[in-house]
Amino acid sequence: MNWYEEWKALSARIHGLLNAGSFFFTALQHSSSDDMSVKRKILLASADKIFRSLNTYLRDYQSTFPKEALESLKKFLDQTEIKGFNFNPGPNQERGHVQFALTSLAAFQSEFSYIIADTQAVALRITERAFVHLQRSIIADDEIRNKWISAFSDGEPKCEKLGALHLLSHGVWAFKAHAEKGCCFPD
């Protein structure tokens, strides 16, 4: 999984927790007690797992994040209130702790998703432009066309090398981590 796919999974977890919190507080309006300790056992425990997952996410992907996204995540996790947050408060503090944890996650999710949505749109435009450029180069330039015809007859690895080199010239890092028969070249 890459950092963007991992974020989608984390974002879905945050969204689910926010929905659970909303449901809990709506239901709490009809019964003012939390006899089963939902705030502590479910909401705060889930928030704790998400905060730990965000720290792991930062550790695992920090070298691949866009700069603004990295700064946003580091700033969020480095906040004094977040760093020293107590996920196991006393009974009289649970409501405030749940509100803080869920509100913090909601605000961060919104900001981070906005930042990376813009980044993904830019990356998509650059990648699309690189492929249009490649198509037109193959049509217009005999030398480039001959390289691709030769690479095509040599097999998939040669095409991948040429394609990766072209994408890199446009600032797009391309690689294939693992895929058996991952390409659709005719035999």
N, C-alpha and C. Protein backbone atom coordinates (compact mmCIF):
# COMPACT_ATOMS: atom_id res chain seq x y z
N MET A 1 0.84 -1.17 0.00
CA MET A 1 0.00 0.00 0.00
C MET A 1 0.90 1.25 0.00
N ASN A 2 0.50 2.30 -0.71
CA ASN A 2 1.27 3.53 -0.69
C ASN A 2 0.67 4.52 0.31
N TRP A 3 1.31 5.66 0.49
CA TRP A 3 0.89 6.61 1.52
C TRP A 3 -0.52 7.13 1.26
N TYR A 4 -0.86 7.30 -0.01
CA TYR A 4 -2.19 7.84 -0.33
C TYR A 4 -3.28 6.81 -0.01
N GLU A 5 -3.06 5.56 -0.39
CA GLU A 5 -4.02 4.50 -0.07
C GLU A 5 -4.14 4.31 1.44
N GLU A 6 -3.01 4.38 2.13
CA GLU A 6 -3.02 4.25 3.58
C GLU A 6 -3.82 5.40 4.21
N TRP A 7 -3.67 6.60 3.64
CA TRP A 7 -4.44 7.73 4.18
C TRP A 7 -5.94 7.50 4.00
N LYS A 8 -6.32 6.97 2.85
CA LYS A 8 -7.76 6.71 2.64
C LYS A 8 -8.30 5.76 3.71
N ALA A 9 -7.51 4.76 4.07
CA ALA A 9 -7.94 3.82 5.12
C ALA A 9 -8.00 4.52 6.48
N LEU A 10 -6.99 5.32 6.81
CA LEU A 10 -7.00 6.05 8.08
C LEU A 10 -8.15 7.06 8.12
N SER A 11 -8.37 7.73 7.02
CA SER A 11 -9.45 8.71 6.94
C SER A 11 -10.81 8.04 7.14
N ALA A 12 -10.97 6.85 6.59
CA ALA A 12 -12.22 6.10 6.78
C ALA A 12 -12.39 5.71 8.25
N ARG A 13 -11.29 5.34 8.92
CA ARG A 13 -11.36 5.02 10.36
C ARG A 13 -11.78 6.25 11.16
N ILE A 14 -11.20 7.40 10.84
CA ILE A 14 -11.56 8.63 11.53
C ILE A 14 -13.03 8.96 11.29
N HIS A 15 -13.44 8.85 10.05
CA HIS A 15 -14.84 9.13 9.71
C HIS A 15 -15.79 8.20 10.47
N GLY A 16 -15.44 6.94 10.54
CA GLY A 16 -16.26 5.98 11.28
C GLY A 16 -16.33 6.31 12.77
N LEU A 17 -15.20 6.71 13.34
CA LEU A 17 -15.19 7.09 14.76
C LEU A 17 -16.04 8.33 14.99
N LEU A 18 -15.95 9.29 14.09
CA LEU A 18 -16.77 10.50 14.22
C LEU A 18 -18.26 10.16 14.14
N ASN A 19 -18.61 9.25 13.26
CA ASN A 19 -20.02 8.81 13.18
C ASN A 19 -20.45 8.12 14.47
N ALA A 20 -19.58 7.27 15.01
CA ALA A 20 -19.91 6.58 16.27
C ALA A 20 -20.07 7.59 17.40
N GLY A 21 -19.18 8.57 17.45
CA GLY A 21 -19.28 9.61 18.47
C GLY A 21 -20.56 10.42 18.34
N SER A 22 -20.91 10.75 17.12
CA SER A 22 -22.15 11.49 16.87
C SER A 22 -23.36 10.67 17.30
N PHE A 23 -23.35 9.40 16.95
CA PHE A 23 -24.45 8.52 17.35
C PHE A 23 -24.54 8.41 18.87
N PHE A 24 -23.38 8.24 19.51
CA PHE A 24 -23.37 8.11 20.96
C PHE A 24 -23.94 9.35 21.63
N PHE A 25 -23.49 10.52 21.23
CA PHE A 25 -23.97 11.74 21.89
C PHE A 25 -25.43 12.04 21.55
N THR A 26 -25.89 11.63 20.39
CA THR A 26 -27.32 11.76 20.08
C THR A 26 -28.13 10.84 20.97
N ALA A 27 -27.68 9.59 21.13
CA ALA A 27 -28.38 8.64 21.99
C ALA A 27 -28.31 9.07 23.45
N LEU A 28 -27.23 9.71 23.85
CA LEU A 28 -27.05 10.16 25.22
C LEU A 28 -28.08 11.22 25.62
N GLN A 29 -28.64 11.90 24.63
CA GLN A 29 -29.66 12.91 24.91
C GLN A 29 -30.92 12.26 25.48
N HIS A 30 -31.14 11.00 25.17
CA HIS A 30 -32.34 10.27 25.64
C HIS A 30 -32.07 9.52 26.94
N SER A 31 -30.80 9.31 27.24
CA SER A 31 -30.42 8.65 28.48
C SER A 31 -29.11 9.28 28.93
N SER A 32 -29.11 9.92 30.05
CA SER A 32 -27.93 10.70 30.45
C SER A 32 -26.82 9.87 31.07
N SER A 33 -26.97 8.57 31.10
CA SER A 33 -25.92 7.76 31.72
C SER A 33 -25.11 7.01 30.66
N ASP A 34 -23.89 6.71 31.02
CA ASP A 34 -22.98 5.93 30.19
C ASP A 34 -22.57 4.70 30.99
N ASP A 35 -23.58 3.90 31.33
CA ASP A 35 -23.37 2.74 32.20
C ASP A 35 -22.33 1.75 31.67
N MET A 36 -22.22 1.66 30.35
CA MET A 36 -21.30 0.70 29.75
C MET A 36 -19.92 1.31 29.46
N SER A 37 -19.71 2.54 29.86
CA SER A 37 -18.43 3.25 29.65
C SER A 37 -18.05 3.34 28.17
N VAL A 38 -19.03 3.67 27.34
CA VAL A 38 -18.78 3.79 25.90
C VAL A 38 -17.73 4.86 25.61
N LYS A 39 -17.80 5.97 26.33
CA LYS A 39 -16.82 7.04 26.10
C LYS A 39 -15.39 6.52 26.27
N ARG A 40 -15.18 5.76 27.33
CA ARG A 40 -13.83 5.27 27.63
C ARG A 40 -13.47 4.05 26.78
N LYS A 41 -14.33 3.02 26.79
CA LYS A 41 -14.02 1.74 26.16
C LYS A 41 -14.05 1.78 24.63
N ILE A 42 -14.92 2.60 24.08
CA ILE A 42 -15.06 2.61 22.62
C ILE A 42 -14.47 3.88 22.01
N LEU A 43 -14.99 5.04 22.39
CA LEU A 43 -14.58 6.28 21.72
C LEU A 43 -13.13 6.65 22.01
N LEU A 44 -12.75 6.70 23.27
CA LEU A 44 -11.37 7.06 23.59
C LEU A 44 -10.38 5.97 23.18
N ALA A 45 -10.77 4.72 23.35
CA ALA A 45 -9.89 3.61 22.94
C ALA A 45 -9.66 3.64 21.42
N SER A 46 -10.71 3.89 20.66
CA SER A 46 -10.58 3.97 19.20
C SER A 46 -9.75 5.19 18.80
N ALA A 47 -9.98 6.31 19.45
CA ALA A 47 -9.19 7.51 19.15
C ALA A 47 -7.72 7.26 19.44
N ASP A 48 -7.43 6.58 20.53
CA ASP A 48 -6.05 6.24 20.89
C ASP A 48 -5.40 5.42 19.78
N LYS A 49 -6.12 4.42 19.29
CA LYS A 49 -5.58 3.58 18.20
C LYS A 49 -5.31 4.42 16.95
N ILE A 50 -6.20 5.34 16.65
CA ILE A 50 -6.01 6.18 15.46
C ILE A 50 -4.81 7.09 15.64
N PHE A 51 -4.66 7.70 16.82
CA PHE A 51 -3.49 8.56 17.07
C PHE A 51 -2.20 7.74 16.93
N ARG A 52 -2.18 6.53 17.46
CA ARG A 52 -0.99 5.68 17.32
C ARG A 52 -0.76 5.32 15.85
N SER A 53 -1.84 5.06 15.13
CA SER A 53 -1.72 4.75 13.70
C SER A 53 -1.17 5.95 12.92
N LEU A 54 -1.57 7.15 13.31
CA LEU A 54 -1.05 8.35 12.65
C LEU A 54 0.45 8.51 12.89
N ASN A 55 0.90 8.18 14.10
CA ASN A 55 2.34 8.22 14.38
C ASN A 55 3.10 7.18 13.54
N THR A 56 2.54 6.00 13.42
CA THR A 56 3.14 4.96 12.59
C THR A 56 3.15 5.38 11.12
N TYR A 57 2.05 5.95 10.69
CA TYR A 57 1.90 6.46 9.32
C TYR A 57 2.99 7.49 9.02
N LEU A 58 3.21 8.40 9.94
CA LEU A 58 4.26 9.40 9.76
C LEU A 58 5.62 8.72 9.65
N ARG A 59 5.90 7.80 10.54
CA ARG A 59 7.19 7.10 10.54
C ARG A 59 7.40 6.33 9.23
N ASP A 60 6.37 5.65 8.75
CA ASP A 60 6.51 4.78 7.58
C ASP A 60 6.58 5.54 6.25
N TYR A 61 5.91 6.68 6.16
CA TYR A 61 5.77 7.35 4.87
C TYR A 61 6.34 8.76 4.79
N GLN A 62 6.98 9.24 5.85
CA GLN A 62 7.40 10.64 5.85
C GLN A 62 8.32 11.00 4.68
N SER A 63 9.09 10.06 4.19
CA SER A 63 10.00 10.36 3.08
C SER A 63 9.27 10.48 1.75
N THR A 64 8.00 10.07 1.69
CA THR A 64 7.27 10.12 0.42
C THR A 64 6.13 11.14 0.40
N PHE A 65 5.83 11.74 1.56
CA PHE A 65 4.74 12.73 1.60
C PHE A 65 5.10 13.98 0.82
N PRO A 66 4.11 14.62 0.23
CA PRO A 66 4.34 15.98 -0.26
C PRO A 66 4.69 16.87 0.94
N LYS A 67 5.50 17.89 0.70
CA LYS A 67 6.03 18.73 1.79
C LYS A 67 4.92 19.29 2.69
N GLU A 68 3.90 19.87 2.11
CA GLU A 68 2.85 20.49 2.91
C GLU A 68 2.08 19.45 3.74
N ALA A 69 1.88 18.27 3.18
CA ALA A 69 1.20 17.21 3.93
C ALA A 69 2.06 16.75 5.11
N LEU A 70 3.35 16.60 4.88
CA LEU A 70 4.27 16.21 5.95
C LEU A 70 4.26 17.24 7.08
N GLU A 71 4.32 18.51 6.71
CA GLU A 71 4.30 19.58 7.72
C GLU A 71 3.00 19.55 8.52
N SER A 72 1.89 19.33 7.85
CA SER A 72 0.58 19.29 8.52
C SER A 72 0.51 18.16 9.53
N LEU A 73 0.93 16.96 9.13
CA LEU A 73 0.88 15.80 10.02
C LEU A 73 1.83 15.97 11.20
N LYS A 74 3.05 16.44 10.93
CA LYS A 74 4.01 16.65 12.01
C LYS A 74 3.48 17.68 13.00
N LYS A 75 2.95 18.77 12.49
CA LYS A 75 2.41 19.83 13.35
C LYS A 75 1.29 19.29 14.23
N PHE A 76 0.40 18.51 13.63
CA PHE A 76 -0.71 17.93 14.38
C PHE A 76 -0.20 17.03 15.50
N LEU A 77 0.71 16.13 15.18
CA LEU A 77 1.19 15.16 16.16
C LEU A 77 2.14 15.78 17.19
N ASP A 78 2.76 16.90 16.85
CA ASP A 78 3.70 17.54 17.77
C ASP A 78 3.04 18.51 18.75
N GLN A 79 1.76 18.81 18.55
CA GLN A 79 1.08 19.72 19.46
C GLN A 79 1.16 19.15 20.88
N THR A 80 1.45 20.02 21.81
CA THR A 80 1.60 19.61 23.22
C THR A 80 0.35 18.90 23.71
N GLU A 81 -0.82 19.43 23.36
CA GLU A 81 -2.07 18.82 23.84
C GLU A 81 -2.25 17.41 23.29
N ILE A 82 -1.83 17.20 22.06
CA ILE A 82 -1.97 15.89 21.41
C ILE A 82 -0.92 14.93 21.96
N LYS A 83 0.32 15.39 22.04
CA LYS A 83 1.42 14.53 22.49
C LYS A 83 1.17 13.96 23.88
N GLY A 84 0.71 14.80 24.80
CA GLY A 84 0.54 14.35 26.17
C GLY A 84 -0.90 14.02 26.51
N PHE A 85 -1.72 13.79 25.49
CA PHE A 85 -3.14 13.55 25.72
C PHE A 85 -3.36 12.25 26.51
N ASN A 86 -4.24 12.31 27.47
CA ASN A 86 -4.55 11.16 28.32
C ASN A 86 -5.81 10.46 27.79
N PHE A 87 -5.64 9.27 27.25
CA PHE A 87 -6.78 8.52 26.72
C PHE A 87 -7.50 7.72 27.81
N ASN A 88 -7.08 7.88 29.04
CA ASN A 88 -7.69 7.18 30.15
C ASN A 88 -7.94 8.16 31.31
N PRO A 89 -8.80 9.16 31.07
CA PRO A 89 -9.02 10.19 32.09
C PRO A 89 -9.94 9.70 33.21
N GLY A 90 -10.05 10.52 34.24
CA GLY A 90 -10.98 10.22 35.32
C GLY A 90 -12.42 10.34 34.81
N PRO A 91 -13.38 9.75 35.52
CA PRO A 91 -14.77 9.74 35.08
C PRO A 91 -15.35 11.14 34.82
N ASN A 92 -14.93 12.12 35.57
CA ASN A 92 -15.47 13.47 35.40
C ASN A 92 -14.85 14.19 34.21
N GLN A 93 -13.81 13.62 33.62
CA GLN A 93 -13.12 14.27 32.51
C GLN A 93 -13.40 13.59 31.17
N GLU A 94 -14.10 12.48 31.15
CA GLU A 94 -14.28 11.68 29.93
C GLU A 94 -14.94 12.47 28.81
N ARG A 95 -16.02 13.17 29.12
CA ARG A 95 -16.75 13.89 28.07
C ARG A 95 -15.84 14.90 27.37
N GLY A 96 -15.13 15.69 28.14
CA GLY A 96 -14.22 16.68 27.56
C GLY A 96 -13.10 16.05 26.76
N HIS A 97 -12.58 14.92 27.24
CA HIS A 97 -11.51 14.23 26.52
C HIS A 97 -12.01 13.65 25.19
N VAL A 98 -13.22 13.10 25.21
CA VAL A 98 -13.80 12.58 23.96
C VAL A 98 -14.00 13.73 22.98
N GLN A 99 -14.56 14.83 23.46
CA GLN A 99 -14.79 15.98 22.57
C GLN A 99 -13.47 16.48 21.98
N PHE A 100 -12.44 16.58 22.81
CA PHE A 100 -11.14 17.04 22.31
C PHE A 100 -10.57 16.07 21.28
N ALA A 101 -10.57 14.79 21.60
CA ALA A 101 -9.97 13.79 20.69
C ALA A 101 -10.70 13.77 19.35
N LEU A 102 -12.04 13.71 19.38
CA LEU A 102 -12.79 13.62 18.14
C LEU A 102 -12.74 14.91 17.34
N THR A 103 -12.81 16.03 18.02
CA THR A 103 -12.73 17.31 17.31
C THR A 103 -11.35 17.50 16.68
N SER A 104 -10.30 17.12 17.40
CA SER A 104 -8.94 17.22 16.86
C SER A 104 -8.79 16.36 15.61
N LEU A 105 -9.28 15.13 15.69
CA LEU A 105 -9.18 14.23 14.53
C LEU A 105 -10.00 14.76 13.35
N ALA A 106 -11.19 15.30 13.61
CA ALA A 106 -12.04 15.83 12.54
C ALA A 106 -11.35 17.01 11.85
N ALA A 107 -10.79 17.91 12.64
CA ALA A 107 -10.10 19.07 12.07
C ALA A 107 -8.88 18.63 11.25
N PHE A 108 -8.10 17.70 11.80
CA PHE A 108 -6.92 17.24 11.09
C PHE A 108 -7.30 16.53 9.79
N GLN A 109 -8.29 15.65 9.86
CA GLN A 109 -8.73 14.91 8.67
C GLN A 109 -9.12 15.87 7.56
N SER A 110 -9.86 16.90 7.90
CA SER A 110 -10.30 17.89 6.92
C SER A 110 -9.10 18.59 6.28
N GLU A 111 -8.19 19.06 7.10
CA GLU A 111 -7.02 19.80 6.58
C GLU A 111 -6.13 18.90 5.72
N PHE A 112 -5.81 17.71 6.23
CA PHE A 112 -4.89 16.82 5.52
C PHE A 112 -5.50 16.36 4.19
N SER A 113 -6.78 16.02 4.20
CA SER A 113 -7.45 15.59 2.96
C SER A 113 -7.44 16.70 1.93
N TYR A 114 -7.65 17.94 2.37
CA TYR A 114 -7.61 19.07 1.46
C TYR A 114 -6.23 19.22 0.85
N ILE A 115 -5.21 19.15 1.68
CA ILE A 115 -3.84 19.31 1.20
C ILE A 115 -3.49 18.25 0.17
N ILE A 116 -3.78 17.00 0.46
CA ILE A 116 -3.37 15.94 -0.47
C ILE A 116 -4.27 15.87 -1.69
N ALA A 117 -5.51 16.34 -1.59
CA ALA A 117 -6.37 16.36 -2.78
C ALA A 117 -5.77 17.27 -3.82
N ASP A 118 -5.28 18.42 -3.39
CA ASP A 118 -4.64 19.35 -4.30
C ASP A 118 -3.37 18.74 -4.87
N THR A 119 -2.59 18.06 -4.05
CA THR A 119 -1.36 17.42 -4.49
C THR A 119 -1.65 16.34 -5.52
N GLN A 120 -2.68 15.54 -5.27
CA GLN A 120 -3.02 14.47 -6.20
C GLN A 120 -3.49 15.02 -7.54
N ALA A 121 -4.22 16.12 -7.52
CA ALA A 121 -4.69 16.72 -8.77
C ALA A 121 -3.50 17.20 -9.59
N VAL A 122 -2.53 17.83 -8.94
CA VAL A 122 -1.33 18.30 -9.64
C VAL A 122 -0.55 17.11 -10.20
N ALA A 123 -0.37 16.07 -9.38
CA ALA A 123 0.36 14.88 -9.83
C ALA A 123 -0.33 14.22 -11.02
N LEU A 124 -1.65 14.18 -11.00
CA LEU A 124 -2.39 13.59 -12.10
C LEU A 124 -2.19 14.41 -13.38
N ARG A 125 -2.26 15.72 -13.29
CA ARG A 125 -2.06 16.56 -14.48
C ARG A 125 -0.65 16.39 -15.05
N ILE A 126 0.35 16.33 -14.17
CA ILE A 126 1.73 16.15 -14.64
C ILE A 126 1.88 14.79 -15.33
N THR A 127 1.32 13.76 -14.74
CA THR A 127 1.41 12.42 -15.31
C THR A 127 0.69 12.35 -16.65
N GLU A 128 -0.51 12.92 -16.72
CA GLU A 128 -1.25 12.94 -17.99
C GLU A 128 -0.47 13.67 -19.07
N ARG A 129 0.13 14.80 -18.70
CA ARG A 129 0.93 15.57 -19.66
C ARG A 129 2.12 14.74 -20.14
N ALA A 130 2.74 13.99 -19.24
CA ALA A 130 3.89 13.16 -19.61
C ALA A 130 3.49 12.10 -20.63
N PHE A 131 2.32 11.49 -20.42
CA PHE A 131 1.89 10.45 -21.37
C PHE A 131 1.47 11.05 -22.71
N VAL A 132 0.85 12.21 -22.71
CA VAL A 132 0.50 12.88 -23.98
C VAL A 132 1.78 13.23 -24.72
N HIS A 133 2.77 13.74 -23.98
CA HIS A 133 4.05 14.08 -24.60
C HIS A 133 4.71 12.84 -25.20
N LEU A 134 4.66 11.72 -24.48
CA LEU A 134 5.24 10.49 -24.99
C LEU A 134 4.53 10.03 -26.26
N GLN A 135 3.21 10.05 -26.25
CA GLN A 135 2.45 9.65 -27.45
C GLN A 135 2.81 10.51 -28.65
N ARG A 136 2.85 11.81 -28.44
CA ARG A 136 3.16 12.72 -29.55
C ARG A 136 4.59 12.58 -30.01
N SER A 137 5.51 12.31 -29.07
CA SER A 137 6.91 12.11 -29.43
C SER A 137 7.08 10.87 -30.30
N ILE A 138 6.37 9.81 -29.95
CA ILE A 138 6.45 8.57 -30.74
C ILE A 138 5.93 8.80 -32.15
N ILE A 139 4.90 9.60 -32.27
CA ILE A 139 4.33 9.90 -33.59
C ILE A 139 5.24 10.82 -34.39
N ALA A 140 5.79 11.84 -33.75
CA ALA A 140 6.51 12.88 -34.48
C ALA A 140 8.00 12.63 -34.66
N ASP A 141 8.61 11.83 -33.83
CA ASP A 141 10.07 11.67 -33.84
C ASP A 141 10.43 10.23 -34.20
N ASP A 142 11.05 10.06 -35.37
CA ASP A 142 11.40 8.72 -35.86
C ASP A 142 12.36 7.99 -34.90
N GLU A 143 13.31 8.73 -34.33
CA GLU A 143 14.27 8.10 -33.43
C GLU A 143 13.58 7.54 -32.18
N ILE A 144 12.68 8.32 -31.60
CA ILE A 144 11.93 7.86 -30.41
C ILE A 144 11.04 6.69 -30.78
N ARG A 145 10.36 6.78 -31.92
CA ARG A 145 9.49 5.69 -32.35
C ARG A 145 10.28 4.40 -32.53
N ASN A 146 11.46 4.49 -33.14
CA ASN A 146 12.30 3.30 -33.35
C ASN A 146 12.77 2.71 -32.02
N LYS A 147 13.10 3.57 -31.04
CA LYS A 147 13.48 3.07 -29.71
C LYS A 147 12.33 2.27 -29.10
N TRP A 148 11.11 2.79 -29.23
CA TRP A 148 9.96 2.11 -28.62
C TRP A 148 9.62 0.82 -29.37
N ILE A 149 9.76 0.82 -30.68
CA ILE A 149 9.51 -0.40 -31.46
C ILE A 149 10.53 -1.47 -31.05
N SER A 150 11.78 -1.06 -30.91
CA SER A 150 12.83 -1.99 -30.49
C SER A 150 12.56 -2.50 -29.07
N ALA A 151 12.21 -1.60 -28.18
CA ALA A 151 11.92 -1.99 -26.79
C ALA A 151 10.73 -2.93 -26.74
N PHE A 152 9.74 -2.66 -27.53
CA PHE A 152 8.53 -3.50 -27.56
C PHE A 152 8.89 -4.92 -27.98
N SER A 153 9.76 -5.03 -28.96
CA SER A 153 10.14 -6.38 -29.40
C SER A 153 11.09 -7.06 -28.41
N ASP A 154 11.83 -6.28 -27.61
CA ASP A 154 12.72 -6.84 -26.59
C ASP A 154 11.96 -7.32 -25.36
N GLY A 155 10.76 -6.79 -25.14
CA GLY A 155 9.96 -7.25 -24.01
C GLY A 155 9.66 -6.16 -22.99
N GLU A 156 8.84 -6.54 -22.04
CA GLU A 156 8.30 -5.63 -21.03
C GLU A 156 9.35 -4.85 -20.23
N PRO A 157 10.42 -5.48 -19.74
CA PRO A 157 11.39 -4.72 -18.94
C PRO A 157 12.00 -3.54 -19.69
N LYS A 158 12.27 -3.73 -20.97
CA LYS A 158 12.85 -2.64 -21.77
C LYS A 158 11.83 -1.50 -21.92
N CYS A 159 10.56 -1.83 -22.13
CA CYS A 159 9.51 -0.80 -22.23
C CYS A 159 9.36 -0.07 -20.90
N GLU A 160 9.43 -0.80 -19.82
CA GLU A 160 9.32 -0.18 -18.49
C GLU A 160 10.46 0.80 -18.25
N LYS A 161 11.66 0.43 -18.65
CA LYS A 161 12.81 1.32 -18.47
C LYS A 161 12.62 2.61 -19.27
N LEU A 162 12.22 2.47 -20.52
CA LEU A 162 11.99 3.66 -21.35
C LEU A 162 10.87 4.53 -20.77
N GLY A 163 9.80 3.89 -20.38
CA GLY A 163 8.67 4.62 -19.82
C GLY A 163 9.03 5.33 -18.52
N ALA A 164 9.75 4.65 -17.65
CA ALA A 164 10.17 5.25 -16.38
C ALA A 164 11.09 6.43 -16.62
N LEU A 165 11.99 6.31 -17.58
CA LEU A 165 12.90 7.41 -17.91
C LEU A 165 12.12 8.61 -18.43
N HIS A 166 11.14 8.36 -19.28
CA HIS A 166 10.33 9.47 -19.80
C HIS A 166 9.54 10.14 -18.68
N LEU A 167 8.90 9.33 -17.83
CA LEU A 167 8.13 9.91 -16.72
C LEU A 167 9.04 10.70 -15.79
N LEU A 168 10.23 10.20 -15.52
CA LEU A 168 11.17 10.90 -14.65
C LEU A 168 11.54 12.26 -15.23
N SER A 169 11.66 12.34 -16.55
CA SER A 169 11.99 13.62 -17.17
C SER A 169 10.88 14.66 -16.95
N HIS A 170 9.70 14.20 -16.57
CA HIS A 170 8.58 15.10 -16.25
C HIS A 170 8.39 15.25 -14.74
N GLY A 171 9.30 14.68 -13.97
CA GLY A 171 9.20 14.79 -12.51
C GLY A 171 8.31 13.76 -11.87
N VAL A 172 7.99 12.70 -12.59
CA VAL A 172 7.13 11.64 -12.06
C VAL A 172 8.00 10.42 -11.77
N TRP A 173 8.03 10.02 -10.50
CA TRP A 173 8.77 8.83 -10.11
C TRP A 173 7.90 7.62 -10.41
N ALA A 174 8.39 6.73 -11.22
CA ALA A 174 7.60 5.55 -11.59
C ALA A 174 8.41 4.30 -11.30
N PHE A 175 7.74 3.31 -10.74
CA PHE A 175 8.40 2.04 -10.51
C PHE A 175 7.33 0.96 -10.39
N LYS A 176 7.76 -0.27 -10.55
CA LYS A 176 6.87 -1.41 -10.39
C LYS A 176 7.43 -2.23 -9.24
N ALA A 177 6.69 -2.26 -8.12
CA ALA A 177 7.17 -2.97 -6.93
C ALA A 177 7.17 -4.47 -7.15
N HIS A 178 6.07 -5.00 -7.68
CA HIS A 178 5.96 -6.43 -7.93
C HIS A 178 4.70 -6.69 -8.72
N ALA A 179 4.84 -7.40 -9.80
CA ALA A 179 3.67 -7.82 -10.56
C ALA A 179 4.10 -8.87 -11.56
N GLU A 180 3.56 -10.05 -11.40
CA GLU A 180 3.85 -11.09 -12.38
C GLU A 180 2.92 -10.88 -13.56
N LYS A 181 3.50 -10.86 -14.73
CA LYS A 181 2.75 -10.61 -15.95
C LYS A 181 1.91 -9.34 -15.78
N GLY A 182 2.57 -8.31 -15.25
CA GLY A 182 1.88 -7.07 -14.90
C GLY A 182 1.57 -6.20 -16.08
N CYS A 183 2.07 -6.51 -17.26
CA CYS A 183 1.83 -5.64 -18.39
C CYS A 183 0.95 -6.33 -19.42
N CYS A 184 0.37 -5.54 -20.24
CA CYS A 184 -0.59 -6.09 -21.21
C CYS A 184 -0.05 -6.05 -22.62
N PHE A 185 1.25 -6.26 -22.82
CA PHE A 185 1.80 -6.28 -24.15
C PHE A 185 1.39 -7.57 -24.86
N PRO A 186 1.06 -7.47 -26.11
CA PRO A 186 0.68 -8.70 -26.83
C PRO A 186 1.89 -9.62 -26.98
N ASP A 187 1.62 -10.91 -27.01
CA ASP A 187 2.71 -11.89 -27.16
C ASP A 187 3.25 -11.92 -28.57
